[in-house]
Protein backbone atom coordinates (compact mmCIF):
# COMPACT_ATOMS: atom_id res chain seq x y z
CA UNK A 1 194.33 21.21 38.76
CA UNK A 2 193.56 17.75 40.05
CA UNK A 3 196.15 15.15 41.00
CA UNK A 4 194.60 11.79 40.08
CA UNK A 5 196.10 8.46 41.16
CA UNK A 6 194.20 5.78 39.27
CA UNK A 7 195.96 2.97 41.13
CA UNK A 8 194.70 4.10 44.56
CA UNK A 9 191.51 2.37 45.68
CA UNK A 10 189.64 3.67 48.72
CA UNK A 11 187.61 1.54 51.12
CA UNK A 12 185.01 3.63 52.95
CA UNK A 13 181.80 3.25 54.93
CA UNK A 14 180.82 3.16 58.56
CA UNK A 15 182.89 1.73 61.39
CA UNK A 16 182.67 -1.99 62.03
CA UNK A 17 181.77 -2.96 58.47
CA UNK A 18 184.87 -5.05 57.68
CA UNK A 19 187.11 -2.54 55.89
CA UNK A 20 190.18 -3.16 58.01
CA UNK A 21 189.77 -6.95 57.86
CA UNK A 22 189.67 -6.72 54.09
CA UNK A 23 192.74 -4.45 53.99
CA UNK A 24 194.63 -6.99 56.11
CA UNK A 25 193.54 -9.87 53.86
CA UNK A 26 194.71 -8.02 50.75
CA UNK A 27 198.00 -7.12 52.44
CA UNK A 28 198.50 -10.81 53.29
CA UNK A 29 198.03 -11.59 49.58
CA UNK A 30 200.90 -9.22 48.75
CA UNK A 31 198.96 -6.08 47.80
CA UNK A 32 200.10 -2.63 48.89
CA UNK A 33 197.76 -1.22 51.54
CA UNK A 34 197.52 1.79 53.84
CA UNK A 35 196.03 1.79 57.34
CA UNK A 36 193.13 3.89 58.55
CA UNK A 37 194.17 7.25 60.00
CA UNK A 38 191.41 7.51 62.61
CA UNK A 39 192.15 4.39 64.61
CA UNK A 40 195.91 5.03 64.59
CA UNK A 41 195.43 8.63 65.70
CA UNK A 42 193.14 7.52 68.53
CA UNK A 43 195.75 4.98 69.70
CA UNK A 44 198.54 7.55 69.59
CA UNK A 45 196.50 10.26 71.32
CA UNK A 46 195.38 7.86 74.06
CA UNK A 47 199.00 6.76 74.57
CA UNK A 48 200.24 10.32 75.06
CA UNK A 49 197.16 11.80 76.73
CA UNK A 50 196.45 14.04 73.75
CA UNK A 51 193.25 15.92 72.96
CA UNK A 52 192.92 15.03 69.25
CA UNK A 53 190.20 12.48 69.98
CA UNK A 54 186.68 12.36 68.55
CA UNK A 55 185.25 12.57 72.08
CA UNK A 56 187.48 15.52 73.12
CA UNK A 57 188.37 17.81 70.20
CA UNK A 58 186.74 16.68 66.95
CA UNK A 59 188.14 19.55 64.90
CA UNK A 60 191.71 18.84 66.00
CA UNK A 61 191.12 15.14 65.38
CA UNK A 62 189.95 15.96 61.82
CA UNK A 63 192.97 18.19 61.20
CA UNK A 64 195.35 15.42 62.25
CA UNK A 65 193.42 12.97 60.04
CA UNK A 66 193.93 15.40 57.16
CA UNK A 67 197.68 15.53 57.77
CA UNK A 68 197.80 11.73 57.99
CA UNK A 69 195.85 11.23 54.74
CA UNK A 70 197.97 13.82 52.90
CA UNK A 71 201.11 11.99 53.99
CA UNK A 72 199.62 8.64 52.98
CA UNK A 73 198.69 10.01 49.55
CA UNK A 74 202.25 11.20 48.95
CA UNK A 75 203.85 8.02 50.33
CA UNK A 76 201.96 5.75 47.94
CA UNK A 77 201.93 8.00 44.87
CA UNK A 78 204.99 6.38 43.29
CA UNK A 79 203.94 2.79 43.86
CA UNK A 80 203.08 0.70 40.86
CA UNK A 81 200.13 -1.64 40.89
CA UNK A 82 196.98 -1.24 42.89
CA UNK A 83 197.11 0.23 46.38
CA UNK A 84 194.22 -0.20 48.82
CA UNK A 85 193.50 2.55 51.33
CA UNK A 86 191.45 2.25 54.50
CA UNK A 87 189.62 5.59 53.95
CA UNK A 88 190.63 8.66 51.98
CA UNK A 89 190.55 12.46 52.08
CA UNK A 90 186.79 12.72 51.35
CA UNK A 91 186.14 10.71 54.53
CA UNK A 92 187.33 13.70 56.56
CA UNK A 93 184.75 15.94 54.89
CA UNK A 94 182.09 13.30 55.54
CA UNK A 95 183.15 13.04 59.18
CA UNK A 96 183.00 16.80 59.74
CA UNK A 97 179.57 17.03 58.14
CA UNK A 98 178.32 14.07 60.15
CA UNK A 99 179.46 15.82 63.33
CA UNK A 100 177.81 19.09 62.29
CA UNK A 101 181.18 20.85 62.13
CA UNK A 102 182.32 23.34 59.49
CA UNK A 103 184.48 21.96 56.71
CA UNK A 104 187.59 24.13 56.37
CA UNK A 105 188.27 25.32 52.84
CA UNK A 106 191.69 23.63 52.77
CA UNK A 107 190.15 20.28 53.74
CA UNK A 108 187.57 20.48 50.95
CA UNK A 109 190.28 21.58 48.50
CA UNK A 110 192.37 18.55 49.42
CA UNK A 111 189.40 16.21 48.88
CA UNK A 112 188.61 17.82 45.52
CA UNK A 113 192.12 18.01 44.09
CA UNK A 114 193.96 14.94 45.39
CA UNK A 115 191.99 12.21 43.67
CA UNK A 116 191.86 8.43 43.81
CA UNK A 117 190.61 5.89 41.31
CA UNK A 118 187.06 6.82 40.36
CA UNK A 119 185.85 3.49 41.76
CA UNK A 120 185.52 3.59 45.54
CA UNK A 121 184.51 0.56 47.61
CA UNK A 122 181.67 1.32 50.00
CA UNK A 123 181.26 -1.10 52.90
CA UNK A 124 177.65 -1.17 54.16
CA UNK A 125 176.71 -1.36 57.83
CA UNK A 126 176.86 -4.92 59.10
CA UNK A 127 175.38 -5.17 62.61
CA UNK A 128 176.32 -8.86 62.93
CA UNK A 129 180.05 -8.10 62.84
CA UNK A 130 179.96 -4.64 64.43
CA UNK A 131 181.76 -4.40 67.77
CA UNK A 132 182.73 -1.51 70.01
CA UNK A 133 186.15 -1.33 71.64
CA UNK A 134 188.46 1.20 73.30
CA UNK A 135 188.94 3.04 70.01
CA UNK A 136 185.54 2.46 68.41
CA UNK A 137 182.96 4.00 70.68
CA UNK A 138 180.32 4.61 68.00
CA UNK A 139 176.99 2.77 68.01
CA UNK A 140 175.48 0.80 65.14
CA UNK A 141 173.20 3.78 64.48
CA UNK A 142 176.20 6.09 64.12
CA UNK A 143 177.85 3.50 61.84
CA UNK A 144 174.75 3.65 59.61
CA UNK A 145 174.81 7.46 59.55
CA UNK A 146 178.55 7.38 58.78
CA UNK A 147 177.92 5.04 55.86
CA UNK A 148 175.33 7.47 54.46
CA UNK A 149 177.66 10.46 54.94
CA UNK A 150 180.51 8.70 53.12
CA UNK A 151 178.25 7.59 50.25
CA UNK A 152 177.06 11.18 49.91
CA UNK A 153 180.47 12.90 49.88
CA UNK A 154 182.09 10.45 47.46
CA UNK A 155 179.12 10.77 45.07
CA UNK A 156 179.24 14.57 45.41
CA UNK A 157 182.91 14.51 44.42
CA UNK A 158 182.18 12.42 41.32
CA UNK A 159 183.34 9.01 42.46
CA UNK A 160 181.58 5.80 41.50
CA UNK A 161 180.80 3.93 44.70
CA UNK A 162 180.62 0.16 44.53
CA UNK A 163 178.89 -1.42 47.49
CA UNK A 164 180.84 -4.40 48.79
CA UNK A 165 178.50 -7.31 49.51
CA UNK A 166 178.33 -8.87 52.97
CA UNK A 167 180.39 -11.97 52.23
CA UNK A 168 183.31 -13.80 53.81
CA UNK A 169 186.65 -12.00 53.75
CA UNK A 170 188.01 -14.17 50.87
CA UNK A 171 184.82 -13.72 48.85
CA UNK A 172 184.90 -9.97 49.40
CA UNK A 173 188.55 -9.94 48.27
CA UNK A 174 187.59 -11.76 45.07
CA UNK A 175 184.74 -9.31 44.45
CA UNK A 176 187.06 -6.33 44.99
CA UNK A 177 189.86 -7.68 42.79
CA UNK A 178 187.42 -8.44 39.96
CA UNK A 179 186.06 -4.91 40.21
CA UNK A 180 189.56 -3.40 40.32
CA UNK A 181 190.63 -5.34 37.22
CA UNK A 182 187.75 -3.71 35.29
CA UNK A 183 189.13 -0.19 35.88
CA UNK A 184 192.83 -0.91 36.46
CA UNK A 185 193.83 -3.72 34.08
CA UNK A 186 196.72 -5.97 34.97
CA UNK A 187 195.82 -6.19 38.64
CA UNK A 188 196.16 -9.70 40.02
């Protein structure tokens, strides 16, 4: 049986496409938001000298992302109003496939049964704003492949992906909120 949370809206796509900037802008406007697991895990693992890093142990990294996303799902399940998530459980499946790694049955089961609003916001690659840093070591080419992997897995799982246009942060926020109000009425 599926557990569907129609008030949870996922932002997905490749790295460096503006997802986190948009999450922060929506949070500043008073909306409930959840941070991306990957970047936080990388920071924590680097701080403690851990191995759950995408350049050390990708399978362990994915397993910790799964635990993070499961916790996030449960933490926000009782919140009223719309909640915006910087990635979701299907992103882990997309990541594993992108890396050519097997997808554990429990990971796929989580992505299939713990559901979000059917409308998922897909952020396209945007080379002009893409930047590498200590936590983001991917190239623009990998960002493009990640975008394709995320579009594929969300479609496979029956989500409707809405591509977010390359606009200013406030204009993207307006676009997103208008789209959310179509499927989750009463959202400001």
